Amino acid sequence: MNELHSKPYAELRCWLSGQHPGLRTFKILQHKLALLAADHPEQRAMCRLLHGIVNSYIEEFDEAPLPTATADRAYQRLLRSLAEIDCAAEPARQLGNLNRLAGLVLSQ
């Protein structure tokens, strides 16, 4: 995949890859996704979907202990998912990405 085609997500993934896999990182990511959606309106659906996935994860562990293995697994799943996004893909492929992401549960 050409990095230029997924630049907004490549930048987000680059930032995420240097962060700790704790809930605070996921909360900051939600804010970054909102900014990305505002700056790239054509990516609103993907950003909103990712925001919802991250929000579900945060809500699940917000008042509970977050096991290290779960945090690491969720973090790696999210990094992989961001790496697979191609903003310049044809609509059918983008829809496939949305459908794949819709099934992503970070805590599993």
PDB file of N, CA and C in Angstrom:
ATOM      1  N   MET A   1       0.847  -1.161   0.000  1.00  0.00           N
ATOM      2  CA  MET A   1       0.000   0.000   0.000  1.00  0.00           C
ATOM      3  C   MET A   1       0.898   1.232   0.000  1.00  0.00           C
ATOM      4  N   ASN A   2       0.551   2.197  -0.796  1.00  0.00           N
ATOM      5  CA  ASN A   2       1.289   3.443  -0.893  1.00  0.00           C
ATOM      6  C   ASN A   2       0.996   4.301   0.333  1.00  0.00           C
ATOM      7  N   GLU A   3       2.044   4.725   1.042  1.00  0.00           N
ATOM      8  CA  GLU A   3       1.871   5.532   2.259  1.00  0.00           C
ATOM      9  C   GLU A   3       1.112   6.821   1.972  1.00  0.00           C
ATOM     10  N   LEU A   4       1.304   7.400   0.765  1.00  0.00           N
ATOM     11  CA  LEU A   4       0.611   8.639   0.440  1.00  0.00           C
ATOM     12  C   LEU A   4      -0.899   8.448   0.418  1.00  0.00           C
ATOM     13  N   HIS A   5      -1.335   7.253   0.076  1.00  0.00           N
ATOM     14  CA  HIS A   5      -2.763   6.975  -0.016  1.00  0.00           C
ATOM     15  C   HIS A   5      -3.411   6.846   1.350  1.00  0.00           C
ATOM     16  N   SER A   6      -2.629   6.618   2.350  1.00  0.00           N
ATOM     17  CA  SER A   6      -3.190   6.458   3.687  1.00  0.00           C
ATOM     18  C   SER A   6      -2.539   7.441   4.662  1.00  0.00           C
ATOM     19  N   LYS A   7      -2.080   8.576   4.135  1.00  0.00           N
ATOM     20  CA  LYS A   7      -1.304   9.510   4.935  1.00  0.00           C
ATOM     21  C   LYS A   7      -1.956   9.897   6.263  1.00  0.00           C
ATOM     22  N   PRO A   8      -3.240  10.303   6.286  1.00  0.00           N
ATOM     23  CA  PRO A   8      -3.798  10.680   7.595  1.00  0.00           C
ATOM     24  C   PRO A   8      -3.716   9.549   8.620  1.00  0.00           C
ATOM     25  N   TYR A   9      -3.964   8.332   8.180  1.00  0.00           N
ATOM     26  CA  TYR A   9      -3.923   7.196   9.100  1.00  0.00           C
ATOM     27  C   TYR A   9      -2.493   6.763   9.388  1.00  0.00           C
ATOM     28  N   ALA A  10      -1.603   6.952   8.421  1.00  0.00           N
ATOM     29  CA  ALA A  10      -0.189   6.641   8.652  1.00  0.00           C
ATOM     30  C   ALA A  10       0.365   7.562   9.739  1.00  0.00           C
ATOM     31  N   GLU A  11      -0.005   8.838   9.691  1.00  0.00           N
ATOM     32  CA  GLU A  11       0.441   9.775  10.719  1.00  0.00           C
ATOM     33  C   GLU A  11      -0.142   9.403  12.076  1.00  0.00           C
ATOM     34  N   LEU A  12      -1.409   9.024  12.087  1.00  0.00           N
ATOM     35  CA  LEU A  12      -2.058   8.609  13.328  1.00  0.00           C
ATOM     36  C   LEU A  12      -1.397   7.350  13.875  1.00  0.00           C
ATOM     37  N   ARG A  13      -1.096   6.407  12.989  1.00  0.00           N
ATOM     38  CA  ARG A  13      -0.447   5.168  13.407  1.00  0.00           C
ATOM     39  C   ARG A  13       0.964   5.445  13.932  1.00  0.00           C
ATOM     40  N   CYS A  14       1.665   6.351  13.285  1.00  0.00           N
ATOM     41  CA  CYS A  14       3.011   6.720  13.733  1.00  0.00           C
ATOM     42  C   CYS A  14       2.952   7.292  15.152  1.00  0.00           C
ATOM     43  N   TRP A  15       2.002   8.166  15.386  1.00  0.00           N
ATOM     44  CA  TRP A  15       1.835   8.727  16.731  1.00  0.00           C
ATOM     45  C   TRP A  15       1.516   7.611  17.723  1.00  0.00           C
ATOM     46  N   LEU A  16       0.537   6.777  17.372  1.00  0.00           N
ATOM     47  CA  LEU A  16       0.093   5.715  18.268  1.00  0.00           C
ATOM     48  C   LEU A  16       1.222   4.741  18.586  1.00  0.00           C
ATOM     49  N   SER A  17       2.060   4.452  17.611  1.00  0.00           N
ATOM     50  CA  SER A  17       3.127   3.468  17.823  1.00  0.00           C
ATOM     51  C   SER A  17       4.150   3.923  18.857  1.00  0.00           C
ATOM     52  N   GLY A  18       4.186   5.218  19.151  1.00  0.00           N
ATOM     53  CA  GLY A  18       5.113   5.717  20.163  1.00  0.00           C
ATOM     54  C   GLY A  18       4.480   5.932  21.522  1.00  0.00           C
ATOM     55  N   GLN A  19       3.239   5.492  21.683  1.00  0.00           N
ATOM     56  CA  GLN A  19       2.508   5.717  22.925  1.00  0.00           C
ATOM     57  C   GLN A  19       2.433   4.454  23.781  1.00  0.00           C
ATOM     58  N   HIS A  20       2.121   4.656  25.036  1.00  0.00           N
ATOM     59  CA  HIS A  20       1.862   3.561  25.976  1.00  0.00           C
ATOM     60  C   HIS A  20       0.465   3.011  25.671  1.00  0.00           C
ATOM     61  N   PRO A  21       0.250   1.704  25.793  1.00  0.00           N
ATOM     62  CA  PRO A  21      -1.056   1.127  25.448  1.00  0.00           C
ATOM     63  C   PRO A  21      -2.140   1.293  26.520  1.00  0.00           C
ATOM     64  N   GLY A  22      -2.046   2.295  27.355  1.00  0.00           N
ATOM     65  CA  GLY A  22      -3.045   2.502  28.399  1.00  0.00           C
ATOM     66  C   GLY A  22      -4.269   3.263  27.909  1.00  0.00           C
ATOM     67  N   LEU A  23      -5.270   3.363  28.763  1.00  0.00           N
ATOM     68  CA  LEU A  23      -6.526   4.015  28.401  1.00  0.00           C
ATOM     69  C   LEU A  23      -6.344   5.488  28.037  1.00  0.00           C
ATOM     70  N   ARG A  24      -5.407   6.151  28.669  1.00  0.00           N
ATOM     71  CA  ARG A  24      -5.189   7.569  28.353  1.00  0.00           C
ATOM     72  C   ARG A  24      -4.823   7.744  26.877  1.00  0.00           C
ATOM     73  N   THR A  25      -4.016   6.860  26.351  1.00  0.00           N
ATOM     74  CA  THR A  25      -3.655   6.911  24.938  1.00  0.00           C
ATOM     75  C   THR A  25      -4.888   6.766  24.066  1.00  0.00           C
ATOM     76  N   PHE A  26      -5.780   5.863  24.434  1.00  0.00           N
ATOM     77  CA  PHE A  26      -6.986   5.641  23.647  1.00  0.00           C
ATOM     78  C   PHE A  26      -7.916   6.852  23.724  1.00  0.00           C
ATOM     79  N   LYS A  27      -7.944   7.524  24.864  1.00  0.00           N
ATOM     80  CA  LYS A  27      -8.753   8.737  24.998  1.00  0.00           C
ATOM     81  C   LYS A  27      -8.193   9.864  24.137  1.00  0.00           C
ATOM     82  N   ILE A  28      -6.885   9.998  24.095  1.00  0.00           N
ATOM     83  CA  ILE A  28      -6.256  11.003  23.231  1.00  0.00           C
ATOM     84  C   ILE A  28      -6.513  10.656  21.764  1.00  0.00           C
ATOM     85  N   LEU A  29      -6.474   9.372  21.457  1.00  0.00           N
ATOM     86  CA  LEU A  29      -6.738   8.928  20.090  1.00  0.00           C
ATOM     87  C   LEU A  29      -8.140   9.345  19.647  1.00  0.00           C
ATOM     88  N   GLN A  30      -9.097   9.253  20.534  1.00  0.00           N
ATOM     89  CA  GLN A  30     -10.456   9.687  20.190  1.00  0.00           C
ATOM     90  C   GLN A  30     -10.457  11.154  19.766  1.00  0.00           C
ATOM     91  N   HIS A  31      -9.743  11.976  20.492  1.00  0.00           N
ATOM     92  CA  HIS A  31      -9.654  13.389  20.144  1.00  0.00           C
ATOM     93  C   HIS A  31      -8.982  13.564  18.779  1.00  0.00           C
ATOM     94  N   LYS A  32      -7.926  12.828  18.540  1.00  0.00           N
ATOM     95  CA  LYS A  32      -7.216  12.906  17.263  1.00  0.00           C
ATOM     96  C   LYS A  32      -8.110  12.445  16.109  1.00  0.00           C
ATOM     97  N   LEU A  33      -8.937  11.444  16.346  1.00  0.00           N
ATOM     98  CA  LEU A  33      -9.868  10.994  15.312  1.00  0.00           C
ATOM     99  C   LEU A  33     -10.898  12.070  14.989  1.00  0.00           C
ATOM    100  N   ALA A  34     -11.361  12.792  15.998  1.00  0.00           N
ATOM    101  CA  ALA A  34     -12.304  13.888  15.765  1.00  0.00           C
ATOM    102  C   ALA A  34     -11.655  14.983  14.917  1.00  0.00           C
ATOM    103  N   LEU A  35     -10.402  15.289  15.213  1.00  0.00           N
ATOM    104  CA  LEU A  35      -9.677  16.294  14.423  1.00  0.00           C
ATOM    105  C   LEU A  35      -9.465  15.806  12.987  1.00  0.00           C
ATOM    106  N   LEU A  36      -9.120  14.540  12.837  1.00  0.00           N
ATOM    107  CA  LEU A  36      -8.911  13.966  11.511  1.00  0.00           C
ATOM    108  C   LEU A  36     -10.193  14.034  10.687  1.00  0.00           C
ATOM    109  N   ALA A  37     -11.318  13.730  11.302  1.00  0.00           N
ATOM    110  CA  ALA A  37     -12.605  13.792  10.600  1.00  0.00           C
ATOM    111  C   ALA A  37     -12.921  15.220  10.171  1.00  0.00           C
ATOM    112  N   ALA A  38     -12.588  16.186  11.013  1.00  0.00           N
ATOM    113  CA  ALA A  38     -12.834  17.590  10.669  1.00  0.00           C
ATOM    114  C   ALA A  38     -11.924  18.049   9.531  1.00  0.00           C
ATOM    115  N   ASP A  39     -10.675  17.594   9.534  1.00  0.00           N
ATOM    116  CA  ASP A  39      -9.714  17.995   8.508  1.00  0.00           C
ATOM    117  C   ASP A  39      -9.885  17.234   7.190  1.00  0.00           C
ATOM    118  N   HIS A  40     -10.447  16.044   7.259  1.00  0.00           N
ATOM    119  CA  HIS A  40     -10.624  15.182   6.084  1.00  0.00           C
ATOM    120  C   HIS A  40     -12.076  14.683   6.066  1.00  0.00           C
ATOM    121  N   PRO A  41     -13.023  15.521   5.652  1.00  0.00           N
ATOM    122  CA  PRO A  41     -14.439  15.141   5.700  1.00  0.00           C
ATOM    123  C   PRO A  41     -14.753  13.851   4.943  1.00  0.00           C
ATOM    124  N   GLU A  42     -13.956  13.544   3.937  1.00  0.00           N
ATOM    125  CA  GLU A  42     -14.194  12.317   3.173  1.00  0.00           C
ATOM    126  C   GLU A  42     -13.871  11.073   3.993  1.00  0.00           C
ATOM    127  N   GLN A  43     -13.267  11.250   5.155  1.00  0.00           N
ATOM    128  CA  GLN A  43     -12.906  10.133   6.030  1.00  0.00           C
ATOM    129  C   GLN A  43     -13.767  10.066   7.292  1.00  0.00           C
ATOM    130  N   ARG A  44     -14.848  10.830   7.319  1.00  0.00           N
ATOM    131  CA  ARG A  44     -15.698  10.869   8.529  1.00  0.00           C
ATOM    132  C   ARG A  44     -16.214   9.504   8.943  1.00  0.00           C
ATOM    133  N   ALA A  45     -16.665   8.710   7.978  1.00  0.00           N
ATOM    134  CA  ALA A  45     -17.228   7.394   8.321  1.00  0.00           C
ATOM    135  C   ALA A  45     -16.184   6.517   9.001  1.00  0.00           C
ATOM    136  N   MET A  46     -14.986   6.480   8.431  1.00  0.00           N
ATOM    137  CA  MET A  46     -13.917   5.655   9.012  1.00  0.00           C
ATOM    138  C   MET A  46     -13.542   6.176  10.397  1.00  0.00           C
ATOM    139  N   CYS A  47     -13.417   7.493  10.517  1.00  0.00           N
ATOM    140  CA  CYS A  47     -13.050   8.087  11.814  1.00  0.00           C
ATOM    141  C   CYS A  47     -14.126   7.819  12.864  1.00  0.00           C
ATOM    142  N   ARG A  48     -15.365   7.959  12.473  1.00  0.00           N
ATOM    143  CA  ARG A  48     -16.462   7.732  13.429  1.00  0.00           C
ATOM    144  C   ARG A  48     -16.509   6.268  13.870  1.00  0.00           C
ATOM    145  N   LEU A  49     -16.296   5.385  12.934  1.00  0.00           N
ATOM    146  CA  LEU A  49     -16.271   3.962  13.265  1.00  0.00           C
ATOM    147  C   LEU A  49     -15.119   3.647  14.217  1.00  0.00           C
ATOM    148  N   LEU A  50     -13.935   4.138  13.909  1.00  0.00           N
ATOM    149  CA  LEU A  50     -12.785   3.921  14.799  1.00  0.00           C
ATOM    150  C   LEU A  50     -13.031   4.545  16.172  1.00  0.00           C
ATOM    151  N   HIS A  51     -13.625   5.729  16.189  1.00  0.00           N
ATOM    152  CA  HIS A  51     -13.941   6.402  17.455  1.00  0.00           C
ATOM    153  C   HIS A  51     -14.872   5.530  18.294  1.00  0.00           C
ATOM    154  N   GLY A  52     -15.883   4.960  17.670  1.00  0.00           N
ATOM    155  CA  GLY A  52     -16.821   4.092  18.379  1.00  0.00           C
ATOM    156  C   GLY A  52     -16.166   2.834  18.918  1.00  0.00           C
ATOM    157  N   ILE A  53     -15.267   2.252  18.137  1.00  0.00           N
ATOM    158  CA  ILE A  53     -14.541   1.054  18.574  1.00  0.00           C
ATOM    159  C   ILE A  53     -13.691   1.379  19.794  1.00  0.00           C
ATOM    160  N   VAL A  54     -12.976   2.486  19.710  1.00  0.00           N
ATOM    161  CA  VAL A  54     -12.126   2.909  20.824  1.00  0.00           C
ATOM    162  C   VAL A  54     -12.983   3.262  22.035  1.00  0.00           C
ATOM    163  N   ASN A  55     -14.116   3.921  21.810  1.00  0.00           N
ATOM    164  CA  ASN A  55     -15.000   4.294  22.915  1.00  0.00           C
ATOM    165  C   ASN A  55     -15.528   3.064  23.655  1.00  0.00           C
ATOM    166  N   SER A  56     -15.908   2.037  22.919  1.00  0.00           N
ATOM    167  CA  SER A  56     -16.389   0.802  23.556  1.00  0.00           C
ATOM    168  C   SER A  56     -15.314   0.196  24.449  1.00  0.00           C
ATOM    169  N   TYR A  57     -14.099   0.222  23.966  1.00  0.00           N
ATOM    170  CA  TYR A  57     -12.964  -0.310  24.728  1.00  0.00           C
ATOM    171  C   TYR A  57     -12.746   0.513  25.997  1.00  0.00           C
ATOM    172  N   ILE A  58     -12.754   1.822  25.868  1.00  0.00           N
ATOM    173  CA  ILE A  58     -12.567   2.701  27.024  1.00  0.00           C
ATOM    174  C   ILE A  58     -13.663   2.479  28.053  1.00  0.00           C
ATOM    175  N   GLU A  59     -14.906   2.421  27.602  1.00  0.00           N
ATOM    176  CA  GLU A  59     -16.029   2.224  28.530  1.00  0.00           C
ATOM    177  C   GLU A  59     -15.932   0.896  29.262  1.00  0.00           C
ATOM    178  N   GLU A  60     -15.449  -0.121  28.578  1.00  0.00           N
ATOM    179  CA  GLU A  60     -15.338  -1.447  29.203  1.00  0.00           C
ATOM    180  C   GLU A  60     -14.364  -1.446  30.379  1.00  0.00           C
ATOM    181  N   PHE A  61     -13.299  -0.651  30.284  1.00  0.00           N
ATOM    182  CA  PHE A  61     -12.255  -0.692  31.309  1.00  0.00           C
ATOM    183  C   PHE A  61     -12.097   0.605  32.091  1.00  0.00           C
ATOM    184  N   ASP A  62     -12.951   1.574  31.879  1.00  0.00           N
ATOM    185  CA  ASP A  62     -12.768   2.884  32.496  1.00  0.00           C
ATOM    186  C   ASP A  62     -12.760   2.826  34.025  1.00  0.00           C
ATOM    187  N   GLU A  63     -13.576   2.010  34.606  1.00  0.00           N
ATOM    188  CA  GLU A  63     -13.653   1.906  36.075  1.00  0.00           C
ATOM    189  C   GLU A  63     -13.107   0.578  36.586  1.00  0.00           C
ATOM    190  N   ALA A  64     -12.470  -0.174  35.703  1.00  0.00           N
ATOM    191  CA  ALA A  64     -11.965  -1.497  36.080  1.00  0.00           C
ATOM    192  C   ALA A  64     -10.478  -1.595  35.757  1.00  0.00           C
ATOM    193  N   PRO A  65      -9.789  -2.500  36.412  1.00  0.00           N
ATOM    194  CA  PRO A  65      -8.376  -2.706  36.086  1.00  0.00           C
ATOM    195  C   PRO A  65      -8.232  -3.208  34.645  1.00  0.00           C
ATOM    196  N   LEU A  66      -7.246  -2.693  33.953  1.00  0.00           N
ATOM    197  CA  LEU A  66      -6.968  -3.104  32.581  1.00  0.00           C
ATOM    198  C   LEU A  66      -5.777  -4.056  32.594  1.00  0.00           C
ATOM    199  N   PRO A  67      -6.027  -5.353  32.352  1.00  0.00           N
ATOM    200  CA  PRO A  67      -4.917  -6.310  32.333  1.00  0.00           C
ATOM    201  C   PRO A  67      -3.896  -5.948  31.253  1.00  0.00           C
ATOM    202  N   THR A  68      -2.634  -6.085  31.572  1.00  0.00           N
ATOM    203  CA  THR A  68      -1.562  -5.722  30.648  1.00  0.00           C
ATOM    204  C   THR A  68      -1.678  -6.467  29.325  1.00  0.00           C
ATOM    205  N   ALA A  69      -1.962  -7.743  29.378  1.00  0.00           N
ATOM    206  CA  ALA A  69      -2.073  -8.537  28.146  1.00  0.00           C
ATOM    207  C   ALA A  69      -3.213  -8.025  27.271  1.00  0.00           C
ATOM    208  N   THR A  70      -4.327  -7.655  27.880  1.00  0.00           N
ATOM    209  CA  THR A  70      -5.462  -7.116  27.133  1.00  0.00           C
ATOM    210  C   THR A  70      -5.094  -5.786  26.495  1.00  0.00           C
ATOM    211  N   ALA A  71      -4.426  -4.926  27.248  1.00  0.00           N
ATOM    212  CA  ALA A  71      -4.014  -3.616  26.731  1.00  0.00           C
ATOM    213  C   ALA A  71      -3.061  -3.782  25.555  1.00  0.00           C
ATOM    214  N   ASP A  72      -2.088  -4.659  25.691  1.00  0.00           N
ATOM    215  CA  ASP A  72      -1.131  -4.876  24.607  1.00  0.00           C
ATOM    216  C   ASP A  72      -1.805  -5.436  23.362  1.00  0.00           C
ATOM    217  N   ARG A  73      -2.710  -6.384  23.556  1.00  0.00           N
ATOM    218  CA  ARG A  73      -3.427  -6.991  22.424  1.00  0.00           C
ATOM    219  C   ARG A  73      -4.293  -5.952  21.708  1.00  0.00           C
ATOM    220  N   ALA A  74      -5.016  -5.154  22.464  1.00  0.00           N
ATOM    221  CA  ALA A  74      -5.872  -4.112  21.877  1.00  0.00           C
ATOM    222  C   ALA A  74      -5.029  -3.099  21.101  1.00  0.00           C
ATOM    223  N   TYR A  75      -3.940  -2.712  21.696  1.00  0.00           N
ATOM    224  CA  TYR A  75      -3.025  -1.747  21.082  1.00  0.00           C
ATOM    225  C   TYR A  75      -2.501  -2.279  19.743  1.00  0.00           C
ATOM    226  N   GLN A  76      -2.074  -3.528  19.711  1.00  0.00           N
ATOM    227  CA  GLN A  76      -1.550  -4.129  18.481  1.00  0.00           C
ATOM    228  C   GLN A  76      -2.639  -4.279  17.421  1.00  0.00           C
ATOM    229  N   ARG A  77      -3.839  -4.645  17.832  1.00  0.00           N
ATOM    230  CA  ARG A  77      -4.957  -4.753  16.879  1.00  0.00           C
ATOM    231  C   ARG A  77      -5.255  -3.408  16.240  1.00  0.00           C
ATOM    232  N   LEU A  78      -5.247  -2.382  17.048  1.00  0.00           N
ATOM    233  CA  LEU A  78      -5.531  -1.047  16.534  1.00  0.00           C
ATOM    234  C   LEU A  78      -4.416  -0.582  15.588  1.00  0.00           C
ATOM    235  N   LEU A  79      -3.176  -0.821  15.948  1.00  0.00           N
ATOM    236  CA  LEU A  79      -2.067  -0.470  15.053  1.00  0.00           C
ATOM    237  C   LEU A  79      -2.191  -1.183  13.712  1.00  0.00           C
ATOM    238  N   ARG A  80      -2.503  -2.471  13.739  1.00  0.00           N
ATOM    239  CA  ARG A  80      -2.670  -3.233  12.488  1.00  0.00           C
ATOM    240  C   ARG A  80      -3.822  -2.682  11.666  1.00  0.00           C
ATOM    241  N   SER A  81      -4.914  -2.355  12.323  1.00  0.00           N
ATOM    242  CA  SER A  81      -6.082  -1.836  11.618  1.00  0.00           C
ATOM    243  C   SER A  81      -5.782  -0.499  10.948  1.00  0.00           C
ATOM    244  N   LEU A  82      -5.065   0.368  11.641  1.00  0.00           N
ATOM    245  CA  LEU A  82      -4.697   1.658  11.052  1.00  0.00           C
ATOM    246  C   LEU A  82      -3.771   1.467   9.858  1.00  0.00           C
ATOM    247  N   ALA A  83      -2.882   0.496   9.936  1.00  0.00           N
ATOM    248  CA  ALA A  83      -1.939   0.240   8.840  1.00  0.00           C
ATOM    249  C   ALA A  83      -2.642  -0.267   7.585  1.00  0.00           C
ATOM    250  N   GLU A  84      -3.784  -0.895   7.738  1.00  0.00           N
ATOM    251  CA  GLU A  84      -4.499  -1.479   6.601  1.00  0.00           C
ATOM    252  C   GLU A  84      -5.410  -0.496   5.878  1.00  0.00           C
ATOM    253  N   ILE A  85      -5.593   0.689   6.405  1.00  0.00           N
ATOM    254  CA  ILE A  85      -6.506   1.661   5.802  1.00  0.00           C
ATOM    255  C   ILE A  85      -5.835   2.334   4.609  1.00  0.00           C
ATOM    256  N   ASP A  86      -6.536   2.359   3.483  1.00  0.00           N
ATOM    257  CA  ASP A  86      -6.051   3.011   2.271  1.00  0.00           C
ATOM    258  C   ASP A  86      -7.118   3.995   1.801  1.00  0.00           C
ATOM    259  N   CYS A  87      -6.873   5.272   2.050  1.00  0.00           N
ATOM    260  CA  CYS A  87      -7.840   6.322   1.719  1.00  0.00           C
ATOM    261  C   CYS A  87      -8.104   6.448   0.222  1.00  0.00           C
ATOM    262  N   ALA A  88      -7.164   6.006  -0.591  1.00  0.00           N
ATOM    263  CA  ALA A  88      -7.300   6.161  -2.030  1.00  0.00           C
ATOM    264  C   ALA A  88      -7.856   4.904  -2.706  1.00  0.00           C
ATOM    265  N   ALA A  89      -8.208   3.920  -1.938  1.00  0.00           N
ATOM    266  CA  ALA A  89      -8.742   2.682  -2.511  1.00  0.00           C
ATOM    267  C   ALA A  89     -10.087   2.948  -3.173  1.00  0.00           C
ATOM    268  N   GLU A  90     -10.436   2.087  -4.099  1.00  0.00           N
ATOM    269  CA  GLU A  90     -11.727   2.205  -4.758  1.00  0.00           C
ATOM    270  C   GLU A  90     -12.837   2.020  -3.712  1.00  0.00           C
ATOM    271  N   PRO A  91     -14.020   2.549  -3.985  1.00  0.00           N
ATOM    272  CA  PRO A  91     -15.107   2.509  -2.992  1.00  0.00           C
ATOM    273  C   PRO A  91     -15.421   1.113  -2.463  1.00  0.00           C
ATOM    274  N   ALA A  92     -15.377   0.107  -3.306  1.00  0.00           N
ATOM    275  CA  ALA A  92     -15.685  -1.251  -2.833  1.00  0.00           C
ATOM    276  C   ALA A  92     -14.675  -1.705  -1.779  1.00  0.00           C
ATOM    277  N   ARG A  93     -13.420  -1.365  -1.988  1.00  0.00           N
ATOM    278  CA  ARG A  93     -12.391  -1.750  -1.007  1.00  0.00           C
ATOM    279  C   ARG A  93     -12.552  -0.951   0.282  1.00  0.00           C
ATOM    280  N   GLN A  94     -12.877   0.338   0.151  1.00  0.00           N
ATOM    281  CA  GLN A  94     -13.094   1.152   1.342  1.00  0.00           C
ATOM    282  C   GLN A  94     -14.279   0.619   2.141  1.00  0.00           C
ATOM    283  N   LEU A  95     -15.332   0.196   1.441  1.00  0.00           N
ATOM    284  CA  LEU A  95     -16.476  -0.391   2.129  1.00  0.00           C
ATOM    285  C   LEU A  95     -16.064  -1.681   2.834  1.00  0.00           C
ATOM    286  N   GLY A  96     -15.207  -2.463   2.189  1.00  0.00           N
ATOM    287  CA  GLY A  96     -14.691  -3.674   2.822  1.00  0.00           C
ATOM    288  C   GLY A  96     -13.913  -3.342   4.086  1.00  0.00           C
ATOM    289  N   ASN A  97     -13.113  -2.267   4.044  1.00  0.00           N
ATOM    290  CA  ASN A  97     -12.384  -1.839   5.240  1.00  0.00           C
ATOM    291  C   ASN A  97     -13.351  -1.441   6.355  1.00  0.00           C
ATOM    292  N   LEU A  98     -14.393  -0.706   5.994  1.00  0.00           N
ATOM    293  CA  LEU A  98     -15.387  -0.303   6.997  1.00  0.00           C
ATOM    294  C   LEU A  98     -16.061  -1.526   7.606  1.00  0.00           C
ATOM    295  N   ASN A  99     -16.425  -2.491   6.767  1.00  0.00           N
ATOM    296  CA  ASN A  99     -17.086  -3.700   7.268  1.00  0.00           C
ATOM    297  C   ASN A  99     -16.164  -4.516   8.164  1.00  0.00           C
ATOM    298  N   ARG A 100     -14.901  -4.615   7.787  1.00  0.00           N
ATOM    299  CA  ARG A 100     -13.928  -5.341   8.616  1.00  0.00           C
ATOM    300  C   ARG A 100     -13.762  -4.650   9.962  1.00  0.00           C
ATOM    301  N   LEU A 101     -13.624  -3.330   9.932  1.00  0.00           N
ATOM    302  CA  LEU A 101     -13.477  -2.580  11.178  1.00  0.00           C
ATOM    303  C   LEU A 101     -14.723  -2.681  12.056  1.00  0.00           C
ATOM    304  N   ALA A 102     -15.889  -2.745  11.436  1.00  0.00           N
ATOM    305  CA  ALA A 102     -17.134  -2.823  12.205  1.00  0.00           C
ATOM    306  C   ALA A 102     -17.163  -4.072  13.097  1.00  0.00           C
ATOM    307  N   GLY A 103     -16.424  -5.078  12.725  1.00  0.00           N
ATOM    308  CA  GLY A 103     -16.369  -6.304  13.516  1.00  0.00           C
ATOM    309  C   GLY A 103     -15.231  -6.334  14.531  1.00  0.00           C
ATOM    310  N   LEU A 104     -14.431  -5.264  14.575  1.00  0.00           N
ATOM    311  CA  LEU A 104     -13.281  -5.223  15.470  1.00  0.00           C
ATOM    312  C   LEU A 104     -13.704  -4.935  16.915  1.00  0.00           C
ATOM    313  N   VAL A 105     -13.305  -5.822  17.811  1.00  0.00           N
ATOM    314  CA  VAL A 105     -13.512  -5.631  19.242  1.00  0.00           C
ATOM    315  C   VAL A 105     -12.128  -5.657  19.879  1.00  0.00           C
ATOM    316  N   LEU A 106     -11.700  -4.535  20.376  1.00  0.00           N
ATOM    317  CA  LEU A 106     -10.331  -4.415  20.875  1.00  0.00           C
ATOM    318  C   LEU A 106     -10.053  -5.288  22.089  1.00  0.00           C
ATOM    319  N   SER A 107     -11.039  -5.542  22.904  1.00  0.00           N
ATOM    320  CA  SER A 107     -10.803  -6.256  24.173  1.00  0.00           C
ATOM    321  C   SER A 107     -10.792  -7.773  24.020  1.00  0.00           C
ATOM    322  N   GLN A 108     -11.043  -8.303  22.860  1.00  0.00           N
ATOM    323  CA  GLN A 108     -11.045  -9.768  22.685  1.00  0.00           C
ATOM    324  C   GLN A 108      -9.671 -10.301  22.427  1.00  0.00           C
TER     325      GLN A 108
END
